[in-house]
Protein backbone atom coordinates (compact mmCIF):
# COMPACT_ATOMS: atom_id res chain seq x y z
CA MET A 1 -28.43 -36.86 159.28
CA LYS A 2 -27.41 -38.78 162.86
CA PRO A 3 -24.48 -37.59 164.75
CA LEU A 4 -21.78 -40.50 164.61
CA HIS A 5 -21.43 -42.90 167.75
CA LYS A 6 -18.08 -42.38 169.46
CA SER A 7 -17.06 -46.19 168.84
CA ASP A 8 -17.71 -45.42 165.09
CA LYS A 9 -15.51 -42.03 165.47
CA ASP A 10 -12.45 -44.37 166.72
CA ALA A 11 -13.18 -46.84 163.80
CA ILE A 12 -12.57 -44.22 161.24
CA ILE A 13 -9.45 -42.55 163.16
CA ILE A 14 -7.59 -45.92 162.98
CA LEU A 15 -8.80 -46.65 159.72
CA LEU A 16 -6.96 -43.88 158.12
CA ILE A 17 -4.11 -44.17 160.51
CA VAL A 18 -3.83 -47.34 158.92
CA ILE A 19 -3.98 -46.18 155.55
CA ILE A 20 -1.19 -43.43 156.13
CA ILE A 21 0.88 -46.12 157.46
CA GLY A 22 0.64 -47.83 154.45
CA LEU A 23 1.10 -45.19 151.98
CA VAL A 24 4.38 -44.49 153.75
CA VAL A 25 5.99 -47.56 154.66
CA PHE A 26 4.98 -49.62 151.33
CA PRO A 27 7.66 -47.61 149.28
CA LEU A 28 10.25 -47.93 151.91
CA VAL A 29 10.01 -51.87 151.80
CA LYS A 30 9.57 -51.94 147.90
CA CYS A 31 13.33 -49.60 147.32
CA SER A 32 15.05 -51.71 150.09
CA GLU A 33 13.70 -54.75 147.89
CA GLU A 34 15.00 -53.87 144.50
CA ASP A 35 18.36 -52.28 145.99
CA ARG A 36 19.02 -56.12 147.67
CA ASN A 37 18.18 -57.61 144.12
CA VAL A 38 20.61 -55.08 142.15
CA PRO A 39 24.25 -56.01 143.03
CA ASN A 40 26.89 -53.26 143.95
CA LYS A 41 28.79 -51.21 140.95
CA THR A 42 32.05 -53.21 141.62
CA GLU A 43 30.51 -56.19 141.46
CA TYR A 44 28.18 -55.19 138.34
CA ALA A 45 31.22 -53.86 136.58
CA GLU A 46 33.60 -57.39 137.09
CA LYS A 47 30.67 -59.31 135.67
CA GLN A 48 30.44 -57.03 132.70
CA ASN A 49 34.48 -57.53 132.00
CA LYS A 50 33.88 -61.32 132.76
CA ASN A 51 31.19 -61.70 129.66
CA SER A 52 33.38 -59.05 127.54
CA ARG A 53 36.31 -61.57 128.02
CA LYS A 54 34.28 -64.21 127.06
CA LYS A 55 32.86 -62.68 123.76
CA PRO A 56 35.20 -62.70 120.90
CA GLN A 57 35.56 -59.24 119.82
CA TYR A 58 35.72 -58.77 116.25
CA TYR A 59 37.43 -55.80 114.22
CA LYS A 60 37.98 -55.25 110.61
CA VAL A 61 42.06 -55.21 110.23
CA PRO A 62 43.80 -53.04 108.07
CA GLU A 63 45.42 -54.17 104.89
CA LYS A 64 49.02 -54.00 104.54
CA GLU A 65 49.63 -50.74 102.34
CA TYR A 66 52.44 -51.77 99.33
CA GLU A 67 53.36 -50.29 96.77
CA LEU A 68 54.29 -51.37 92.96
CA PHE A 69 57.53 -50.17 90.77
CA TYR A 70 59.08 -52.09 88.60
CA PHE A 71 62.45 -54.71 90.21
CA ASP A 72 64.67 -57.65 89.18
CA PRO A 73 63.87 -60.18 92.16
CA ASN A 74 67.81 -61.06 91.51
CA THR A 75 68.93 -57.59 92.75
CA ALA A 76 66.05 -56.05 95.10
CA ASP A 77 67.03 -55.52 98.20
CA SER A 78 65.26 -55.98 101.62
CA THR A 79 63.65 -52.15 101.75
CA GLN A 80 62.64 -52.28 98.24
CA LEU A 81 60.97 -56.35 98.31
CA LEU A 82 58.87 -55.15 102.06
CA ARG A 83 57.59 -51.94 100.03
CA LEU A 84 56.07 -54.30 97.69
CA GLY A 85 54.13 -55.94 99.95
CA LEU A 86 55.79 -59.19 100.76
CA GLN A 87 56.32 -60.39 104.41
CA PRO A 88 59.71 -60.34 106.26
CA TRP A 89 60.16 -63.87 106.16
CA GLN A 90 59.39 -64.30 102.25
CA VAL A 91 62.07 -61.43 101.94
CA ARG A 92 64.62 -63.62 104.09
CA ASN A 93 63.76 -66.82 101.79
CA ILE A 94 64.75 -64.51 98.76
CA TYR A 95 67.87 -63.89 100.24
CA LYS A 96 68.89 -67.34 101.40
CA TYR A 97 67.68 -68.57 97.43
CA ARG A 98 70.11 -65.98 96.22
CA ALA A 99 72.93 -66.70 98.75
CA ALA A 100 73.11 -69.87 98.11
CA GLY A 101 73.26 -69.31 93.76
CA GLY A 102 69.96 -69.60 92.90
CA ARG A 103 69.20 -67.16 90.30
CA TYR A 104 64.97 -66.31 89.05
CA ARG A 105 65.75 -66.55 84.79
CA LYS A 106 62.09 -65.77 84.31
CA PRO A 107 59.27 -63.82 86.15
CA THR A 108 57.17 -67.19 86.70
CA ASP A 109 60.19 -68.45 89.10
CA LEU A 110 59.36 -66.37 91.85
CA ALA A 111 55.96 -67.71 92.15
CA ARG A 112 57.54 -70.54 93.68
CA LEU A 113 58.27 -68.55 96.60
CA TYR A 114 57.06 -70.48 99.32
CA GLY A 115 53.71 -69.00 100.93
CA LEU A 116 53.37 -66.65 98.05
CA THR A 117 49.93 -66.68 97.00
CA LEU A 118 48.30 -66.73 93.81
CA LYS A 119 46.75 -62.85 94.06
CA GLN A 120 49.84 -61.70 95.23
CA TYR A 121 51.99 -63.22 92.11
CA LYS A 122 49.48 -61.98 89.47
CA ARG A 123 49.90 -58.14 91.54
CA LEU A 124 53.65 -58.25 90.99
CA GLU A 125 53.97 -59.90 87.82
CA PRO A 126 53.42 -57.31 85.38
CA TYR A 127 56.29 -55.46 87.38
CA ILE A 128 59.10 -58.04 87.59
CA LYS A 129 61.93 -57.09 84.92
CA ILE A 130 64.71 -59.73 85.21
CA GLU A 131 67.45 -58.15 83.73
CA LYS A 132 69.95 -60.51 81.43
CA GLU A 133 72.80 -61.26 83.10
CA VAL A 134 75.85 -61.14 80.78
CA MET A 135 79.54 -62.55 81.69
CA ALA A 136 82.25 -60.82 81.39
CA ALA A 137 84.18 -63.37 79.41
CA ASP A 138 81.45 -63.52 76.93
CA VAL A 139 82.04 -59.50 76.33
CA TYR A 140 85.47 -58.83 76.25
CA LYS A 141 88.11 -61.33 74.70
CA LYS A 142 91.15 -62.82 76.51
CA SER A 143 93.62 -60.45 75.43
CA ASP A 144 93.94 -56.73 76.83
CA ASP A 145 92.63 -54.68 73.75
CA GLU A 146 89.41 -54.98 75.75
CA LYS A 147 87.31 -54.96 72.23
CA PRO A 148 84.13 -56.47 72.13
CA ILE A 149 83.60 -59.89 70.60
CA LYS A 150 81.79 -60.03 67.18
CA LYS A 151 79.72 -62.45 66.00
CA ASP A 152 79.15 -63.15 62.45
CA SER A 153 81.31 -60.57 61.70
CA ALA A 154 78.87 -58.24 61.91
CA LEU A 155 76.87 -58.20 65.43
CA ILE A 156 78.06 -57.25 68.46
CA ALA A 157 77.59 -59.87 71.73
CA TYR A 158 77.38 -56.37 74.06
CA PRO A 159 75.79 -53.46 72.60
CA VAL A 160 78.70 -50.61 72.66
CA LYS A 161 77.05 -47.59 74.17
CA ILE A 162 77.60 -44.51 72.13
CA LYS A 163 79.06 -41.34 73.34
CA GLU A 164 78.33 -38.08 74.90
CA GLY A 165 77.09 -35.87 71.79
CA GLU A 166 76.03 -38.44 69.53
CA HIS A 167 72.85 -38.82 68.96
CA ILE A 168 70.04 -42.00 67.57
CA ASP A 169 66.93 -40.91 65.90
CA ILE A 170 63.99 -42.81 67.71
CA ASN A 171 62.13 -42.67 65.00
CA LEU A 172 64.32 -44.64 62.54
CA ALA A 173 66.33 -47.26 65.22
CA ASP A 174 64.96 -50.84 65.80
CA THR A 175 65.62 -52.08 69.40
CA SER A 176 68.95 -52.86 68.54
CA GLU A 177 69.96 -49.62 68.06
CA LEU A 178 68.20 -48.32 70.68
CA LYS A 179 69.94 -50.38 72.63
CA ARG A 180 73.24 -48.22 72.20
CA ILE A 181 71.42 -45.69 73.80
CA PRO A 182 72.94 -44.97 77.49
CA GLY A 183 70.28 -46.04 79.59
CA ILE A 184 68.54 -48.18 77.76
CA GLY A 185 68.50 -51.99 77.64
CA SER A 186 66.09 -54.58 75.82
CA TYR A 187 63.01 -53.96 78.21
CA TYR A 188 63.22 -49.85 77.56
CA ALA A 189 63.97 -50.52 73.78
CA LYS A 190 60.77 -52.38 73.10
CA ARG A 191 58.55 -50.36 75.06
CA ILE A 192 59.78 -47.34 73.08
CA VAL A 193 59.30 -49.25 69.59
CA SER A 194 55.89 -50.15 70.91
CA PHE A 195 54.86 -46.49 71.85
CA ARG A 196 56.21 -45.13 68.77
CA GLN A 197 53.79 -47.87 66.95
CA ARG A 198 50.95 -46.63 68.71
CA LEU A 199 51.34 -43.43 68.63
CA GLY A 200 52.05 -43.32 64.46
CA GLY A 201 55.71 -41.66 65.22
CA ILE A 202 57.23 -39.58 68.41
CA ALA A 203 57.45 -35.76 67.64
CA ASN A 204 59.26 -35.63 70.29
CA VAL A 205 61.83 -36.84 72.73
CA HIS A 206 60.20 -35.65 75.84
CA GLN A 207 56.98 -37.66 74.93
CA LEU A 208 59.21 -40.95 76.21
CA LEU A 209 59.01 -39.76 79.71
CA GLU A 210 55.42 -41.06 79.73
CA ILE A 211 56.45 -44.74 79.58
CA GLN A 212 56.89 -45.18 83.12
CA GLY A 213 60.15 -45.04 85.00
CA PHE A 214 61.46 -44.28 82.08
CA PRO A 215 65.43 -42.57 82.31
CA GLU A 216 65.39 -38.97 81.80
CA SER A 217 69.26 -39.14 81.73
CA SER A 218 68.98 -41.12 78.20
CA LEU A 219 66.65 -38.15 76.29
CA LYS A 220 69.94 -36.67 75.45
CA TYR A 221 71.28 -39.28 73.31
CA MET A 222 68.18 -39.33 71.33
CA SER A 223 67.12 -36.89 68.25
CA VAL A 224 63.65 -36.80 66.09
CA GLY A 225 64.17 -35.97 62.70
CA GLU A 226 67.92 -35.38 62.51
CA SER A 227 69.07 -38.02 60.15
CA THR A 228 71.05 -36.78 56.92
CA ASN A 229 68.93 -39.00 54.68
CA THR A 230 65.67 -37.12 55.03
CA GLN A 231 63.80 -39.10 52.84
CA HIS A 232 63.88 -42.34 53.91
CA LEU A 233 62.24 -40.37 57.17
CA PRO A 234 59.06 -41.92 58.39
CA PRO A 235 56.36 -39.36 58.53
CA ILE A 236 54.43 -39.00 61.60
CA THR A 237 50.73 -40.94 61.05
CA LYS A 238 48.47 -38.47 60.99
CA ILE A 239 44.76 -39.44 61.69
CA ARG A 240 42.03 -38.16 59.79
CA ILE A 241 40.07 -36.43 62.46
CA ASN A 242 36.73 -35.59 60.44
CA HIS A 243 36.46 -39.40 58.78
CA LEU A 244 37.33 -41.27 61.58
CA ASP A 245 34.75 -42.82 63.71
CA LEU A 246 34.22 -43.34 67.33
CA ASN A 247 36.06 -46.09 68.40
CA ALA A 248 38.81 -45.33 65.74
CA LEU A 249 39.23 -41.94 67.19
CA SER A 250 39.46 -43.51 71.17
CA ARG A 251 42.27 -45.77 69.67
CA HIS A 252 44.78 -43.16 69.73
CA PRO A 253 46.72 -42.52 72.57
CA TYR A 254 46.27 -39.30 72.87
CA ILE A 255 42.20 -38.85 72.68
CA ARG A 256 40.19 -40.14 75.35
CA TYR A 257 36.62 -42.03 74.72
CA VAL A 258 34.74 -38.74 76.29
CA GLN A 259 36.76 -36.43 74.06
CA ALA A 260 36.28 -38.91 70.69
CA LYS A 261 32.78 -38.26 71.55
CA GLU A 262 32.72 -34.33 71.85
CA ILE A 263 34.39 -34.39 68.08
CA MET A 264 31.82 -37.14 66.78
CA ASN A 265 28.75 -34.49 68.50
CA PHE A 266 31.01 -31.04 67.37
CA ARG A 267 31.26 -32.63 63.30
CA ARG A 268 27.41 -33.47 63.89
CA LEU A 269 26.08 -30.33 64.62
CA ARG A 270 28.67 -27.49 63.73
CA GLY A 271 30.51 -29.68 60.67
CA PRO A 272 34.06 -30.38 60.22
CA ILE A 273 37.05 -29.21 62.71
CA LYS A 274 39.30 -26.84 60.55
CA LYS A 275 41.84 -26.64 62.76
CA ALA A 276 43.59 -27.42 65.89
CA ASP A 277 42.27 -24.61 68.05
CA ASP A 278 38.48 -25.80 67.24
CA LEU A 279 39.20 -28.32 69.82
CA ARG A 280 39.38 -25.74 72.42
CA ARG A 281 35.54 -25.28 71.93
CA LEU A 282 35.76 -28.69 73.06
CA PRO A 283 34.97 -28.80 77.54
CA SER A 284 37.27 -31.95 78.01
CA PHE A 285 40.70 -30.60 75.72
CA THR A 286 42.83 -28.87 77.65
CA ASP A 287 45.49 -26.44 75.70
CA GLU A 288 48.37 -28.87 76.74
CA GLU A 289 46.43 -31.87 75.38
CA ILE A 290 45.64 -30.27 72.18
CA GLU A 291 49.52 -29.39 71.81
CA ARG A 292 50.10 -32.62 72.30
CA LEU A 293 47.78 -34.50 69.57
CA LYS A 294 48.28 -31.46 67.24
CA PRO A 295 51.43 -33.50 65.54
CA TYR A 296 49.05 -36.11 64.83
CA ILE A 297 45.84 -34.90 63.46
CA SER A 298 44.74 -33.69 59.55
CA PHE A 299 41.99 -31.87 58.58
CA GLU A 300 41.17 -33.05 55.23
C-alpha cells in the first residue's frame, strides 16, 4: 500500500472536521427552530382558554328532587307545594288565585295552573285530595242550640262524630257510618270499604295502617266483631289455598306472585297444604306474612 501524500492527508483531516462540525451544529439549529415555532406557556394557556370559551360546555342538569303525598291545593302551604316539585312562581300563582277567592273544586282544576306540564299533572293527580267545603250555616241552625240540621228526618247533613269510648265495627259500617269516626272523612271511608272488600274482611283494626297516610289516632274508635247482633256479622272470606290456581292466589292482597308460584309447586310435589305452618317451608314467606295471612286461608 502506497503512503498518502501530504495533500491527501490534509483533505481527509478537513473532511473529518466538517463532519464533526455538522454533527454538533445541526441539532442545535433544529432545536432553536422548534423553539421559535412553539409559543411560550402563557400564550399557549391564553389561547386554550379562548378556545374553551368559544365551545359550549354541555353537562347534565340534575333533576329537582320531589316528594309525593296527599295534599289539598286549597289549603297546602308553600313548603308543601315546593316539596311536591312545583316552581316558586307556580306556588305564587296558586296563592294569588286563592287570595282572589278562587277555589279548586276538582283535581282537574289544578291542571289550569300556568306552566304546569301534562307530565307534572299526571304525577300529582293521584295525590290531589280536595276536602269538601262545609259552610257553618249548613251545619247549625240559626238558634243557639247548635244541633245539626236533619234532612228527611233521618239523614244528618254533617256527620256527628262519636265520643271517646264509643266504637264502630269496621266490618259492618258503610261509608256514612265510618265518617262518624273522628279523623275519617269521605276519602278514608271509601278507602276502608275498598280495602275491606279486597281482603274479604278486616281481622284486626291495625291492618288499616296499610292504607297510605291513614290516621292512627282513629283506630281507638274502631272495633272488629264486637257487635251484639253476632248472627249478622259477616265472616272473613277465606280462600281455598289448595284449590285456587296461580292467578286467583296472586290476586289476594297478602299473596305475592312469587309466593303463589311456590304454593302451586308445593301442592304439585308434596300434596295439599294442611296447616299454616306448612308455609314456613316456602322461602318467600316470612313469619309476619304467614300470621297476617292466617285469617284468610282455609285448607279444605
